[in-house]
């Protein structure tokens, strides 16, 4: 399987600060958004196996989507670009 592109995923919870994760788990924005939507529909957490939280090393990250109101996915680290769910 080819390595995914580096995507910036910004999760916005109901309360508190957003969480930014850099992930190479997906081949593009569309695939990432479809997986986030699927996890939301199935009421489960989003599991990222090739991700960085706070720009630290590559680790696995589990995002509990229960209190997330929106997700932004983009190739650039900007609050003005990308797709929202």
Protein backbone atom coordinates (compact mmCIF):
# COMPACT_ATOMS: atom_id res chain seq x y z
CA UNK A 1 0.00 0.00 0.00
CA UNK A 2 1.48 3.40 -0.95
CA UNK A 3 2.27 5.86 1.82
CA UNK A 4 -0.44 8.47 2.40
CA UNK A 5 -0.09 12.20 1.99
CA UNK A 6 0.52 14.36 5.05
CA UNK A 7 -2.79 15.85 6.17
CA UNK A 8 -3.52 18.34 8.92
CA UNK A 9 -6.63 17.25 10.82
CA UNK A 10 -8.12 19.79 13.23
CA UNK A 11 -10.81 18.49 15.59
CA UNK A 12 -13.11 21.06 17.23
CA UNK A 13 -14.80 19.81 20.43
CA UNK A 14 -18.02 21.17 21.96
CA UNK A 15 -15.96 22.94 24.62
CA UNK A 16 -12.29 23.72 24.89
CA UNK A 17 -9.46 24.15 22.43
CA UNK A 18 -9.21 22.36 19.10
CA UNK A 19 -6.82 19.45 18.69
CA UNK A 20 -4.51 19.29 15.67
CA UNK A 21 -3.12 15.99 14.41
CA UNK A 22 -0.80 15.47 11.43
CA UNK A 23 -1.61 12.15 9.76
CA UNK A 24 -0.36 10.10 6.81
CA UNK A 25 -3.08 7.45 7.20
CA UNK A 26 -5.00 8.56 4.09
CA UNK A 27 -4.32 9.10 0.38
CA UNK A 28 -6.12 12.46 0.40
CA UNK A 29 -8.66 14.76 1.99
CA UNK A 30 -11.66 12.96 0.56
CA UNK A 31 -10.64 9.59 1.99
CA UNK A 32 -9.96 11.17 5.39
CA UNK A 33 -13.36 12.89 5.47
CA UNK A 34 -15.14 9.68 4.47
CA UNK A 35 -13.43 7.77 7.30
CA UNK A 36 -14.28 10.49 9.85
CA UNK A 37 -17.92 10.46 8.66
CA UNK A 38 -18.02 6.65 8.86
CA UNK A 39 -16.63 6.70 12.43
CA UNK A 40 -19.22 9.32 13.42
CA UNK A 41 -22.07 7.32 11.85
CA UNK A 42 -20.91 4.16 13.62
CA UNK A 43 -20.46 6.04 16.93
CA UNK A 44 -16.87 4.90 17.34
CA UNK A 45 -13.49 6.51 17.80
CA UNK A 46 -11.23 7.42 14.89
CA UNK A 47 -8.01 5.38 14.97
CA UNK A 48 -4.96 6.89 13.23
CA UNK A 49 -1.91 4.62 13.10
CA UNK A 50 0.50 7.07 11.42
CA UNK A 51 -0.12 10.37 13.15
CA UNK A 52 1.59 13.06 15.18
CA UNK A 53 0.00 15.06 17.97
CA UNK A 54 1.65 18.40 18.82
CA UNK A 55 4.28 17.82 16.14
CA UNK A 56 6.00 15.08 18.17
CA UNK A 57 7.14 11.73 16.75
CA UNK A 58 4.99 9.37 14.70
CA UNK A 59 2.58 7.45 16.92
CA UNK A 60 -0.86 6.02 16.84
CA UNK A 61 -3.66 8.36 17.92
CA UNK A 62 -7.22 7.55 18.94
CA UNK A 63 -9.73 10.40 18.69
CA UNK A 64 -12.97 10.05 20.66
CA UNK A 65 -15.49 11.72 18.36
CA UNK A 66 -18.31 11.82 20.95
CA UNK A 67 -17.94 15.57 21.64
CA UNK A 68 -16.50 16.74 18.32
CA UNK A 69 -18.67 19.26 16.46
CA UNK A 70 -16.48 19.76 13.38
CA UNK A 71 -13.36 18.41 11.72
CA UNK A 72 -11.14 20.28 9.28
CA UNK A 73 -8.87 18.35 6.92
CA UNK A 74 -6.28 20.05 4.73
CA UNK A 75 -2.80 19.67 3.29
CA UNK A 76 -1.76 23.05 4.72
CA UNK A 77 -1.72 24.09 8.37
CA UNK A 78 -4.17 26.99 8.11
CA UNK A 79 -7.43 27.80 9.83
CA UNK A 80 -8.82 29.17 6.53
CA UNK A 81 -8.27 26.14 4.26
CA UNK A 82 -9.53 22.60 4.04
CA UNK A 83 -12.80 20.77 4.21
CA UNK A 84 -15.11 20.69 7.20
CA UNK A 85 -17.38 17.91 8.27
